[in-house]
């Protein structure tokens, strides 16, 4: 029997997707060369730390530019993946890419969030006990950078995103989160210290340091 591998970023959507097939045998964090820095990879140490607090083995794999797909398939094969769990919701290109990757790796793709209403899902994640820090945002949501989303804050955040014409789930990168606690965590990740903010056009990233 093969392994169940969850593709995880440290953010809310990927971990919530994995929760539907818990526990995976591995949490796989892929390190890309993006045109702009990723908030999750800028804060890679904390990404790994929060995932490790769920008790699953975390594997980090570096992917080289131009070989991302091949590297992902090879990583899944090395882990013996028979199932791959991902957190896509409605972006067709993402789904097709993951279907191709899983097929090449000889695995079945699990996409438990696919087709869900983004607004309902954004509220549901936090109603289920997730707590997350906003670590990246577009300029329209910049005042939320470093803020904490939980069951109390999520409704006002979702309402504001909707009023701005943005996806409240952040599927297009409107914002990124670092999960601090969830029903899967054995203990919470201590709230990190804010080290600085960097801008890339209208996209902003919060650099964090582990809590002392």
N, C-alpha and C. Protein backbone atom coordinates (compact mmCIF):
# COMPACT_ATOMS: atom_id res chain seq x y z
N UNK A 1 0.85 -1.19 0.00
CA UNK A 1 0.00 0.00 0.00
C UNK A 1 0.88 1.24 0.00
N UNK A 2 0.55 2.20 -0.83
CA UNK A 2 1.37 3.40 -0.94
C UNK A 2 1.07 4.42 0.13
N UNK A 3 1.77 5.55 0.01
CA UNK A 3 1.69 6.60 1.02
C UNK A 3 0.68 7.67 0.60
N UNK A 4 0.07 8.27 1.60
CA UNK A 4 -0.81 9.43 1.41
C UNK A 4 0.03 10.68 1.64
N UNK A 5 0.15 11.52 0.62
CA UNK A 5 1.01 12.71 0.70
C UNK A 5 0.16 13.97 0.54
N UNK A 6 0.24 14.86 1.50
CA UNK A 6 -0.48 16.13 1.44
C UNK A 6 0.48 17.24 1.02
N UNK A 7 0.09 17.99 0.00
CA UNK A 7 0.87 19.15 -0.40
C UNK A 7 0.50 20.31 0.52
N UNK A 8 1.47 20.78 1.28
CA UNK A 8 1.20 21.77 2.32
C UNK A 8 2.08 23.00 2.17
N UNK A 9 1.52 24.15 2.52
CA UNK A 9 2.26 25.41 2.44
C UNK A 9 2.43 26.07 3.80
N UNK A 10 1.71 25.57 4.80
CA UNK A 10 1.64 26.25 6.09
C UNK A 10 0.43 27.16 6.18
N UNK A 11 -0.28 27.32 5.05
CA UNK A 11 -1.47 28.15 5.02
C UNK A 11 -2.73 27.35 5.31
N UNK A 12 -3.84 28.07 5.45
CA UNK A 12 -5.09 27.48 5.92
C UNK A 12 -5.69 26.47 4.94
N UNK A 13 -5.70 26.79 3.63
CA UNK A 13 -6.42 25.95 2.68
C UNK A 13 -5.81 24.57 2.53
N UNK A 14 -4.49 24.52 2.38
CA UNK A 14 -3.85 23.22 2.18
C UNK A 14 -3.99 22.34 3.42
N UNK A 15 -3.88 22.95 4.61
CA UNK A 15 -4.00 22.15 5.83
C UNK A 15 -5.44 21.72 6.06
N UNK A 16 -6.39 22.57 5.71
CA UNK A 16 -7.80 22.20 5.86
C UNK A 16 -8.15 21.08 4.88
N UNK A 17 -7.59 21.12 3.68
CA UNK A 17 -7.82 20.02 2.74
C UNK A 17 -7.26 18.72 3.29
N UNK A 18 -6.06 18.78 3.84
CA UNK A 18 -5.44 17.57 4.42
C UNK A 18 -6.27 17.01 5.57
N UNK A 19 -6.94 17.90 6.30
CA UNK A 19 -7.76 17.49 7.44
C UNK A 19 -8.85 16.50 7.02
N UNK A 20 -9.30 16.59 5.77
CA UNK A 20 -10.35 15.70 5.28
C UNK A 20 -9.84 14.27 5.07
N UNK A 21 -8.53 14.09 5.01
CA UNK A 21 -7.93 12.75 4.82
C UNK A 21 -6.85 12.50 5.87
N UNK A 22 -7.09 12.99 7.05
CA UNK A 22 -6.07 12.94 8.09
C UNK A 22 -5.98 11.54 8.70
N UNK A 23 -4.76 11.09 9.03
CA UNK A 23 -3.48 11.79 8.84
C UNK A 23 -2.80 11.36 7.55
N UNK A 24 -2.13 12.26 6.88
CA UNK A 24 -1.29 11.85 5.75
C UNK A 24 -0.02 11.19 6.28
N UNK A 25 0.62 10.42 5.43
CA UNK A 25 1.91 9.83 5.83
C UNK A 25 3.03 10.85 5.78
N UNK A 26 2.87 11.84 4.87
CA UNK A 26 3.86 12.91 4.76
C UNK A 26 3.16 14.22 4.42
N UNK A 27 3.73 15.29 4.93
CA UNK A 27 3.37 16.62 4.46
C UNK A 27 4.52 17.11 3.59
N UNK A 28 4.23 17.42 2.34
CA UNK A 28 5.27 17.80 1.38
C UNK A 28 5.22 19.30 1.12
N UNK A 29 6.34 19.97 1.42
CA UNK A 29 6.48 21.41 1.18
C UNK A 29 7.41 21.58 -0.01
N UNK A 30 6.92 22.21 -1.06
CA UNK A 30 7.71 22.40 -2.28
C UNK A 30 8.26 23.82 -2.32
N UNK A 31 9.55 23.93 -2.57
CA UNK A 31 10.23 25.23 -2.60
C UNK A 31 10.49 25.59 -4.06
N UNK A 32 9.80 26.62 -4.54
CA UNK A 32 9.89 27.06 -5.93
C UNK A 32 10.76 28.31 -6.05
N UNK A 33 11.19 28.57 -7.30
CA UNK A 33 11.75 29.88 -7.67
C UNK A 33 10.62 30.69 -8.29
N UNK A 34 9.94 31.49 -7.49
CA UNK A 34 8.86 32.32 -8.00
C UNK A 34 9.42 33.63 -8.56
N UNK A 35 8.70 34.26 -9.53
CA UNK A 35 9.13 35.58 -10.00
C UNK A 35 9.19 36.59 -8.86
N UNK A 36 8.26 36.46 -7.91
CA UNK A 36 8.27 37.26 -6.69
C UNK A 36 8.34 36.31 -5.50
N UNK A 37 8.92 36.75 -4.39
CA UNK A 37 9.02 35.86 -3.23
C UNK A 37 7.65 35.41 -2.74
N UNK A 38 7.58 34.20 -2.24
CA UNK A 38 6.36 33.67 -1.64
C UNK A 38 6.40 33.92 -0.13
N UNK A 39 5.31 34.43 0.44
CA UNK A 39 5.29 34.63 1.90
C UNK A 39 5.57 33.35 2.67
N UNK A 40 5.14 32.21 2.13
CA UNK A 40 5.37 30.94 2.82
C UNK A 40 6.84 30.54 2.79
N UNK A 41 7.51 30.84 1.69
CA UNK A 41 8.92 30.44 1.58
C UNK A 41 9.84 31.45 2.24
N UNK A 42 9.46 32.73 2.24
CA UNK A 42 10.22 33.72 3.02
C UNK A 42 10.25 33.31 4.49
N UNK A 43 9.16 32.72 4.93
CA UNK A 43 9.03 32.28 6.33
C UNK A 43 9.05 30.75 6.42
N UNK A 44 9.95 30.13 5.65
CA UNK A 44 9.96 28.68 5.53
C UNK A 44 10.16 27.97 6.87
N UNK A 45 11.01 28.51 7.72
CA UNK A 45 11.24 27.87 9.01
C UNK A 45 9.97 27.74 9.82
N UNK A 46 9.15 28.79 9.83
CA UNK A 46 7.90 28.76 10.59
C UNK A 46 6.85 27.90 9.88
N UNK A 47 6.91 27.86 8.55
CA UNK A 47 6.04 26.97 7.80
C UNK A 47 6.26 25.53 8.23
N UNK A 48 7.51 25.11 8.28
CA UNK A 48 7.83 23.75 8.69
C UNK A 48 7.47 23.53 10.16
N UNK A 49 7.74 24.55 10.99
CA UNK A 49 7.48 24.40 12.42
C UNK A 49 5.99 24.18 12.71
N UNK A 50 5.13 24.98 12.07
CA UNK A 50 3.70 24.81 12.36
C UNK A 50 3.19 23.48 11.85
N UNK A 51 3.70 23.01 10.72
CA UNK A 51 3.27 21.70 10.21
C UNK A 51 3.78 20.58 11.11
N UNK A 52 4.99 20.72 11.62
CA UNK A 52 5.54 19.70 12.51
C UNK A 52 4.72 19.58 13.80
N UNK A 53 4.08 20.66 14.20
CA UNK A 53 3.26 20.64 15.42
C UNK A 53 1.99 19.83 15.26
N UNK A 54 1.68 19.40 14.02
CA UNK A 54 0.54 18.51 13.82
C UNK A 54 0.94 17.05 14.03
N UNK A 55 2.24 16.79 14.12
CA UNK A 55 2.71 15.44 14.39
C UNK A 55 3.01 14.60 13.16
N UNK A 56 2.87 15.17 11.97
CA UNK A 56 3.17 14.39 10.76
C UNK A 56 4.60 14.65 10.31
N UNK A 57 5.23 13.69 9.62
CA UNK A 57 6.55 13.94 9.05
C UNK A 57 6.45 15.00 7.94
N UNK A 58 7.36 15.96 7.97
CA UNK A 58 7.36 17.04 6.98
C UNK A 58 8.59 16.90 6.10
N UNK A 59 8.36 16.88 4.80
CA UNK A 59 9.44 16.74 3.82
C UNK A 59 9.49 18.03 3.00
N UNK A 60 10.68 18.63 2.90
CA UNK A 60 10.87 19.84 2.10
C UNK A 60 11.71 19.49 0.88
N UNK A 61 11.20 19.85 -0.31
CA UNK A 61 11.88 19.52 -1.56
C UNK A 61 12.10 20.79 -2.37
N UNK A 62 13.33 21.01 -2.78
CA UNK A 62 13.69 22.16 -3.61
C UNK A 62 13.43 21.82 -5.07
N UNK A 63 12.68 22.67 -5.76
CA UNK A 63 12.40 22.49 -7.18
C UNK A 63 13.16 23.53 -7.99
N UNK A 64 13.79 23.10 -9.06
CA UNK A 64 14.61 24.00 -9.86
C UNK A 64 13.79 24.59 -11.00
N UNK A 65 14.08 25.83 -11.32
CA UNK A 65 13.35 26.54 -12.37
C UNK A 65 13.38 25.77 -13.69
N UNK A 66 12.21 25.62 -14.27
CA UNK A 66 12.08 24.88 -15.51
C UNK A 66 11.90 23.39 -15.33
N UNK A 67 12.09 22.90 -14.09
CA UNK A 67 11.94 21.47 -13.82
C UNK A 67 10.96 21.22 -12.68
N UNK A 68 10.05 22.19 -12.46
CA UNK A 68 9.16 22.09 -11.31
C UNK A 68 8.24 20.85 -11.37
N UNK A 69 7.65 20.65 -12.53
CA UNK A 69 6.73 19.51 -12.65
C UNK A 69 7.47 18.19 -12.50
N UNK A 70 8.59 18.09 -13.20
CA UNK A 70 9.37 16.85 -13.11
C UNK A 70 9.83 16.61 -11.68
N UNK A 71 10.27 17.67 -11.01
CA UNK A 71 10.74 17.53 -9.63
C UNK A 71 9.63 17.11 -8.69
N UNK A 72 8.42 17.64 -8.90
CA UNK A 72 7.29 17.27 -8.06
C UNK A 72 6.94 15.80 -8.25
N UNK A 73 6.89 15.36 -9.50
CA UNK A 73 6.58 13.96 -9.79
C UNK A 73 7.63 13.04 -9.16
N UNK A 74 8.90 13.41 -9.29
CA UNK A 74 9.97 12.59 -8.73
C UNK A 74 9.86 12.52 -7.20
N UNK A 75 9.53 13.64 -6.58
CA UNK A 75 9.39 13.65 -5.12
C UNK A 75 8.26 12.74 -4.68
N UNK A 76 7.14 12.80 -5.37
CA UNK A 76 6.00 11.95 -5.02
C UNK A 76 6.34 10.47 -5.23
N UNK A 77 7.07 10.17 -6.28
CA UNK A 77 7.47 8.77 -6.51
C UNK A 77 8.41 8.29 -5.41
N UNK A 78 9.36 9.15 -5.02
CA UNK A 78 10.30 8.75 -3.96
C UNK A 78 9.57 8.49 -2.65
N UNK A 79 8.50 9.22 -2.40
CA UNK A 79 7.73 9.02 -1.17
C UNK A 79 6.76 7.85 -1.29
N UNK A 80 6.67 7.27 -2.48
CA UNK A 80 5.78 6.14 -2.68
C UNK A 80 4.31 6.54 -2.65
N UNK A 81 4.00 7.72 -3.16
CA UNK A 81 2.64 8.25 -3.06
C UNK A 81 1.64 7.42 -3.86
N UNK A 82 0.56 7.04 -3.21
CA UNK A 82 -0.58 6.44 -3.90
C UNK A 82 -1.76 7.41 -3.90
N UNK A 83 -1.72 8.38 -2.97
CA UNK A 83 -2.73 9.43 -2.90
C UNK A 83 -2.01 10.77 -2.73
N UNK A 84 -2.50 11.80 -3.41
CA UNK A 84 -1.98 13.15 -3.26
C UNK A 84 -3.14 14.06 -2.88
N UNK A 85 -2.98 14.80 -1.79
CA UNK A 85 -4.04 15.69 -1.31
C UNK A 85 -3.63 17.14 -1.59
N UNK A 86 -4.51 17.89 -2.23
CA UNK A 86 -4.23 19.29 -2.53
C UNK A 86 -5.46 20.13 -2.18
N UNK A 87 -5.25 21.44 -2.06
CA UNK A 87 -6.30 22.33 -1.58
C UNK A 87 -6.82 23.31 -2.61
N UNK A 88 -6.90 22.90 -3.87
CA UNK A 88 -7.44 23.79 -4.90
C UNK A 88 -8.96 23.91 -4.73
N UNK A 89 -9.49 25.08 -5.14
CA UNK A 89 -10.92 25.33 -4.94
C UNK A 89 -11.65 25.57 -6.25
N UNK A 90 -11.11 26.44 -7.12
CA UNK A 90 -11.85 26.69 -8.37
C UNK A 90 -10.97 27.09 -9.55
N UNK A 91 -9.66 27.20 -9.38
CA UNK A 91 -8.80 27.59 -10.50
C UNK A 91 -8.52 26.35 -11.35
N UNK A 92 -9.13 26.32 -12.55
CA UNK A 92 -9.07 25.13 -13.39
C UNK A 92 -7.64 24.75 -13.77
N UNK A 93 -6.79 25.74 -14.06
CA UNK A 93 -5.41 25.44 -14.45
C UNK A 93 -4.67 24.71 -13.34
N UNK A 94 -4.92 25.12 -12.10
CA UNK A 94 -4.28 24.45 -10.96
C UNK A 94 -4.74 22.99 -10.88
N UNK A 95 -6.03 22.79 -11.03
CA UNK A 95 -6.57 21.44 -10.95
C UNK A 95 -5.99 20.55 -12.05
N UNK A 96 -5.97 21.05 -13.28
CA UNK A 96 -5.45 20.25 -14.39
C UNK A 96 -3.98 19.91 -14.19
N UNK A 97 -3.23 20.89 -13.67
CA UNK A 97 -1.81 20.64 -13.40
C UNK A 97 -1.66 19.52 -12.37
N UNK A 98 -2.42 19.61 -11.28
CA UNK A 98 -2.31 18.60 -10.24
C UNK A 98 -2.80 17.24 -10.72
N UNK A 99 -3.81 17.22 -11.57
CA UNK A 99 -4.27 15.94 -12.13
C UNK A 99 -3.16 15.28 -12.94
N UNK A 100 -2.45 16.10 -13.73
CA UNK A 100 -1.35 15.58 -14.52
C UNK A 100 -0.20 15.08 -13.67
N UNK A 101 0.16 15.84 -12.66
CA UNK A 101 1.26 15.46 -11.77
C UNK A 101 0.94 14.16 -11.04
N UNK A 102 -0.26 14.08 -10.49
CA UNK A 102 -0.65 12.86 -9.77
C UNK A 102 -0.64 11.65 -10.69
N UNK A 103 -1.16 11.83 -11.90
CA UNK A 103 -1.20 10.71 -12.85
C UNK A 103 0.21 10.23 -13.19
N UNK A 104 1.12 11.18 -13.43
CA UNK A 104 2.51 10.80 -13.75
C UNK A 104 3.18 10.08 -12.59
N UNK A 105 2.80 10.45 -11.38
CA UNK A 105 3.39 9.83 -10.20
C UNK A 105 2.72 8.50 -9.87
N UNK A 106 1.65 8.16 -10.58
CA UNK A 106 0.95 6.92 -10.32
C UNK A 106 0.07 6.98 -9.09
N UNK A 107 -0.43 8.19 -8.78
CA UNK A 107 -1.22 8.40 -7.57
C UNK A 107 -2.62 8.91 -7.90
N UNK A 108 -3.51 8.78 -6.96
CA UNK A 108 -4.87 9.32 -7.06
C UNK A 108 -4.89 10.70 -6.43
N UNK A 109 -5.48 11.66 -7.13
CA UNK A 109 -5.56 13.03 -6.61
C UNK A 109 -6.82 13.20 -5.77
N UNK A 110 -6.65 13.78 -4.59
CA UNK A 110 -7.77 14.10 -3.71
C UNK A 110 -7.85 15.63 -3.59
N UNK A 111 -8.98 16.18 -3.97
CA UNK A 111 -9.19 17.64 -3.91
C UNK A 111 -10.50 17.91 -3.16
N UNK A 112 -10.49 17.78 -1.83
CA UNK A 112 -11.74 17.84 -1.07
C UNK A 112 -12.42 19.21 -1.05
N UNK A 113 -11.69 20.27 -1.40
CA UNK A 113 -12.28 21.61 -1.38
C UNK A 113 -12.79 22.05 -2.75
N UNK A 114 -12.53 21.24 -3.77
CA UNK A 114 -12.85 21.65 -5.13
C UNK A 114 -14.35 21.89 -5.29
N UNK A 115 -14.69 23.04 -5.90
CA UNK A 115 -16.08 23.36 -6.20
C UNK A 115 -16.84 24.00 -5.07
N UNK A 116 -16.19 24.16 -3.91
CA UNK A 116 -16.87 24.80 -2.78
C UNK A 116 -16.98 26.31 -3.00
N UNK A 117 -18.00 26.93 -2.38
CA UNK A 117 -18.14 28.37 -2.44
C UNK A 117 -17.03 29.02 -1.61
N UNK A 118 -16.23 29.92 -2.21
CA UNK A 118 -15.09 30.49 -1.48
C UNK A 118 -15.47 31.21 -0.19
N UNK A 119 -16.59 31.95 -0.22
CA UNK A 119 -16.99 32.68 0.98
C UNK A 119 -17.40 31.73 2.09
N UNK A 120 -18.20 30.73 1.76
CA UNK A 120 -18.60 29.75 2.77
C UNK A 120 -17.39 29.02 3.32
N UNK A 121 -16.46 28.68 2.45
CA UNK A 121 -15.27 27.93 2.86
C UNK A 121 -14.37 28.77 3.75
N UNK A 122 -14.22 30.06 3.41
CA UNK A 122 -13.38 30.95 4.22
C UNK A 122 -13.91 31.05 5.65
N UNK A 123 -15.22 31.10 5.80
CA UNK A 123 -15.81 31.15 7.14
C UNK A 123 -15.71 29.79 7.84
N UNK A 124 -15.93 28.73 7.08
CA UNK A 124 -15.94 27.39 7.65
C UNK A 124 -14.60 27.01 8.26
N UNK A 125 -13.52 27.35 7.57
CA UNK A 125 -12.19 27.00 8.06
C UNK A 125 -11.99 27.51 9.49
N UNK A 126 -12.39 28.75 9.72
CA UNK A 126 -12.16 29.34 11.04
C UNK A 126 -13.22 28.91 12.05
N UNK A 127 -14.42 28.61 11.57
CA UNK A 127 -15.44 28.06 12.46
C UNK A 127 -15.01 26.69 13.00
N UNK A 128 -14.18 25.98 12.21
CA UNK A 128 -13.70 24.65 12.61
C UNK A 128 -12.52 24.73 13.58
N UNK A 129 -12.10 25.94 13.94
CA UNK A 129 -11.06 26.07 14.95
C UNK A 129 -9.69 26.47 14.45
N UNK A 130 -9.58 26.86 13.18
CA UNK A 130 -8.30 27.33 12.67
C UNK A 130 -8.04 28.76 13.15
N UNK A 131 -6.78 29.04 13.41
CA UNK A 131 -6.33 30.39 13.76
C UNK A 131 -5.09 30.65 12.94
N UNK A 132 -5.04 31.78 12.22
CA UNK A 132 -3.94 32.02 11.29
C UNK A 132 -3.55 33.49 11.28
N UNK A 133 -2.27 33.73 10.97
CA UNK A 133 -1.76 35.10 10.81
C UNK A 133 -1.66 35.41 9.33
N UNK A 134 -2.06 36.61 8.95
CA UNK A 134 -1.92 37.06 7.57
C UNK A 134 -0.46 37.45 7.34
N UNK A 135 0.23 36.74 6.43
CA UNK A 135 1.66 36.97 6.22
C UNK A 135 1.97 37.54 4.84
N UNK A 136 0.94 37.68 4.01
CA UNK A 136 1.12 38.28 2.69
C UNK A 136 -0.21 38.87 2.25
N UNK A 137 -0.18 39.97 1.51
CA UNK A 137 -1.44 40.56 1.07
C UNK A 137 -1.23 41.46 -0.13
N UNK A 138 -2.32 41.70 -0.86
CA UNK A 138 -2.36 42.77 -1.83
C UNK A 138 -2.54 44.08 -1.06
N UNK A 139 -2.26 45.18 -1.74
CA UNK A 139 -2.32 46.48 -1.09
C UNK A 139 -3.67 46.80 -0.48
N UNK A 140 -4.76 46.34 -1.11
CA UNK A 140 -6.09 46.62 -0.58
C UNK A 140 -6.34 46.02 0.79
N UNK A 141 -5.58 44.98 1.12
CA UNK A 141 -5.74 44.31 2.41
C UNK A 141 -4.52 44.51 3.30
N UNK A 142 -3.71 45.50 2.97
CA UNK A 142 -2.44 45.68 3.68
C UNK A 142 -2.64 45.88 5.18
N UNK A 143 -3.71 46.52 5.58
CA UNK A 143 -3.94 46.76 7.01
C UNK A 143 -4.21 45.47 7.78
N UNK A 144 -4.46 44.37 7.06
CA UNK A 144 -4.62 43.08 7.71
C UNK A 144 -3.29 42.33 7.86
N UNK A 145 -2.24 42.84 7.24
CA UNK A 145 -0.95 42.14 7.32
C UNK A 145 -0.48 42.07 8.77
N UNK A 146 -0.19 40.87 9.22
CA UNK A 146 0.18 40.67 10.62
C UNK A 146 -1.00 40.45 11.53
N UNK A 147 -2.21 40.61 10.98
CA UNK A 147 -3.41 40.39 11.78
C UNK A 147 -3.73 38.91 11.95
N UNK A 148 -4.56 38.62 12.93
CA UNK A 148 -4.93 37.25 13.23
C UNK A 148 -6.36 36.99 12.76
N UNK A 149 -6.54 35.92 12.01
CA UNK A 149 -7.86 35.49 11.57
C UNK A 149 -8.28 34.28 12.41
N UNK A 150 -9.46 34.36 12.97
CA UNK A 150 -10.05 33.26 13.72
C UNK A 150 -11.56 33.36 13.58
N UNK A 151 -12.30 32.61 14.37
CA UNK A 151 -13.75 32.59 14.20
C UNK A 151 -14.39 33.95 14.47
N UNK A 152 -13.75 34.77 15.29
CA UNK A 152 -14.30 36.10 15.59
C UNK A 152 -13.97 37.11 14.50
N UNK A 153 -12.76 37.06 13.96
CA UNK A 153 -12.31 38.05 12.98
C UNK A 153 -12.73 37.72 11.56
N UNK A 154 -12.94 36.43 11.28
CA UNK A 154 -13.20 36.01 9.90
C UNK A 154 -14.42 36.68 9.26
N UNK A 155 -15.56 36.80 9.95
CA UNK A 155 -16.72 37.40 9.29
C UNK A 155 -16.47 38.82 8.78
N UNK A 156 -15.79 39.66 9.58
CA UNK A 156 -15.53 41.02 9.13
C UNK A 156 -14.50 41.04 8.00
N UNK A 157 -13.53 40.12 8.06
CA UNK A 157 -12.55 40.03 6.98
C UNK A 157 -13.22 39.61 5.68
N UNK A 158 -14.07 38.61 5.74
CA UNK A 158 -14.76 38.12 4.55
C UNK A 158 -15.66 39.21 3.97
N UNK A 159 -16.35 39.93 4.83
CA UNK A 159 -17.22 41.01 4.37
C UNK A 159 -16.42 42.11 3.68
N UNK A 160 -15.27 42.45 4.25
CA UNK A 160 -14.44 43.49 3.64
C UNK A 160 -13.89 43.03 2.29
N UNK A 161 -13.42 41.80 2.22
CA UNK A 161 -12.90 41.28 0.96
C UNK A 161 -13.98 41.30 -0.12
N UNK A 162 -15.18 40.89 0.26
CA UNK A 162 -16.28 40.88 -0.69
C UNK A 162 -16.60 42.30 -1.17
N UNK A 163 -16.58 43.26 -0.25
CA UNK A 163 -16.89 44.65 -0.64
C UNK A 163 -15.84 45.23 -1.58
N UNK A 164 -14.63 44.70 -1.52
CA UNK A 164 -13.54 45.15 -2.39
C UNK A 164 -13.49 44.38 -3.71
N UNK A 165 -14.36 43.40 -3.85
CA UNK A 165 -14.36 42.59 -5.06
C UNK A 165 -13.25 41.56 -5.07
N UNK A 166 -12.74 41.19 -3.90
CA UNK A 166 -11.66 40.22 -3.78
C UNK A 166 -12.20 38.88 -3.31
N UNK A 167 -11.48 37.82 -3.63
CA UNK A 167 -11.86 36.49 -3.17
C UNK A 167 -11.55 36.39 -1.68
N UNK A 168 -12.55 36.16 -0.82
CA UNK A 168 -12.30 36.08 0.62
C UNK A 168 -11.46 34.88 1.03
N UNK A 169 -11.29 33.93 0.09
CA UNK A 169 -10.45 32.77 0.37
C UNK A 169 -9.00 33.01 -0.04
N UNK A 170 -8.80 34.03 -0.91
CA UNK A 170 -7.45 34.34 -1.37
C UNK A 170 -6.92 33.41 -2.43
N UNK A 171 -7.81 32.83 -3.24
CA UNK A 171 -7.39 31.83 -4.23
C UNK A 171 -6.50 32.40 -5.32
N UNK A 172 -6.57 33.71 -5.54
CA UNK A 172 -5.72 34.35 -6.55
C UNK A 172 -4.50 35.02 -5.91
N UNK A 173 -4.25 34.74 -4.64
CA UNK A 173 -3.10 35.32 -3.96
C UNK A 173 -3.40 36.64 -3.29
N UNK A 174 -4.69 36.98 -3.12
CA UNK A 174 -5.04 38.23 -2.46
C UNK A 174 -4.43 38.34 -1.07
N UNK A 175 -4.28 37.19 -0.42
CA UNK A 175 -3.59 37.16 0.87
C UNK A 175 -3.12 35.73 1.14
N UNK A 176 -2.17 35.62 2.05
CA UNK A 176 -1.62 34.33 2.45
C UNK A 176 -1.59 34.26 3.97
N UNK A 177 -1.71 33.05 4.48
CA UNK A 177 -1.75 32.88 5.93
C UNK A 177 -0.72 31.86 6.41
N UNK A 178 -0.38 31.98 7.67
CA UNK A 178 0.40 30.98 8.39
C UNK A 178 -0.48 30.48 9.52
N UNK A 179 -0.80 29.20 9.52
CA UNK A 179 -1.67 28.64 10.56
C UNK A 179 -0.90 28.58 11.88
N UNK A 180 -1.51 29.16 12.90
CA UNK A 180 -0.91 29.14 14.23
C UNK A 180 -1.49 28.03 15.09
N UNK A 181 -2.73 27.66 14.80
CA UNK A 181 -3.38 26.59 15.57
C UNK A 181 -4.53 26.04 14.75
N UNK A 182 -4.85 24.79 15.00
CA UNK A 182 -5.96 24.13 14.33
C UNK A 182 -6.32 22.89 15.14
N UNK A 183 -7.43 22.23 14.81
CA UNK A 183 -7.76 20.99 15.50
C UNK A 183 -6.72 19.90 15.30
N UNK A 184 -5.83 20.07 14.31
CA UNK A 184 -4.79 19.09 14.03
C UNK A 184 -3.53 19.30 14.84
N UNK A 185 -3.38 20.49 15.41
CA UNK A 185 -2.16 20.82 16.15
C UNK A 185 -2.15 20.18 17.53
N UNK A 186 -1.01 19.64 17.90
CA UNK A 186 -0.85 19.10 19.24
C UNK A 186 -0.71 20.23 20.26
N UNK A 187 -0.16 21.33 19.80
CA UNK A 187 -0.09 22.56 20.59
C UNK A 187 0.05 23.72 19.61
N UNK A 188 -0.34 24.94 20.02
CA UNK A 188 -0.27 26.07 19.09
C UNK A 188 1.17 26.46 18.78
N UNK A 189 1.34 27.06 17.61
CA UNK A 189 2.60 27.71 17.29
C UNK A 189 2.60 29.06 18.01
N UNK A 190 3.59 29.32 18.87
CA UNK A 190 3.63 30.63 19.53
C UNK A 190 3.62 31.75 18.50
N UNK A 191 2.86 32.80 18.75
CA UNK A 191 2.73 33.89 17.79
C UNK A 191 4.10 34.47 17.47
N UNK A 192 4.50 34.42 16.20
CA UNK A 192 5.84 34.89 15.81
C UNK A 192 5.98 36.40 15.99
N UNK A 193 7.24 36.83 16.09
CA UNK A 193 7.54 38.26 16.15
C UNK A 193 7.63 38.81 14.73
N UNK A 194 7.21 40.05 14.55
CA UNK A 194 7.24 40.69 13.24
C UNK A 194 8.59 41.34 13.02
N UNK A 195 9.31 40.88 11.99
CA UNK A 195 10.66 41.37 11.74
C UNK A 195 10.70 42.49 10.73
N UNK A 196 9.70 42.60 9.88
CA UNK A 196 9.70 43.64 8.87
C UNK A 196 8.72 43.34 7.76
N UNK A 197 8.46 44.35 6.93
CA UNK A 197 7.54 44.23 5.81
C UNK A 197 8.29 44.61 4.53
N UNK A 198 8.10 43.83 3.49
CA UNK A 198 8.71 44.17 2.21
C UNK A 198 7.65 44.19 1.12
N UNK A 199 7.79 45.13 0.19
CA UNK A 199 6.83 45.28 -0.88
C UNK A 199 7.38 44.86 -2.21
N UNK A 200 6.52 44.27 -3.03
CA UNK A 200 6.86 43.88 -4.40
C UNK A 200 5.70 44.35 -5.28
N UNK A 201 5.81 45.59 -5.75
CA UNK A 201 4.69 46.19 -6.44
C UNK A 201 3.57 46.42 -5.44
N UNK A 202 2.41 45.85 -5.74
CA UNK A 202 1.27 45.99 -4.84
C UNK A 202 1.08 44.75 -3.97
N UNK A 203 2.14 43.95 -3.85
CA UNK A 203 2.08 42.76 -3.01
C UNK A 203 3.05 42.93 -1.85
N UNK A 204 2.60 42.55 -0.68
CA UNK A 204 3.37 42.81 0.54
C UNK A 204 3.56 41.52 1.31
N UNK A 205 4.75 41.39 1.88
CA UNK A 205 5.12 40.19 2.64
C UNK A 205 5.60 40.61 4.03
N UNK A 206 5.13 39.86 5.02
CA UNK A 206 5.57 40.06 6.39
C UNK A 206 6.67 39.05 6.69
N UNK A 207 7.83 39.55 7.09
CA UNK A 207 8.91 38.67 7.54
C UNK A 207 8.76 38.46 9.05
N UNK A 208 8.88 37.20 9.45
CA UNK A 208 8.65 36.83 10.84
C UNK A 208 9.88 36.20 11.46
N UNK A 209 9.92 36.27 12.77
CA UNK A 209 10.92 35.57 13.57
C UNK A 209 10.20 34.69 14.57
N UNK A 210 10.75 33.53 14.88
CA UNK A 210 10.10 32.68 15.89
C UNK A 210 9.95 33.42 17.21
N UNK A 211 8.88 33.14 17.92
CA UNK A 211 8.67 33.76 19.23
C UNK A 211 9.77 33.32 20.18
N UNK A 212 10.21 34.21 21.02
CA UNK A 212 11.26 33.87 21.99
C UNK A 212 10.72 32.96 23.07
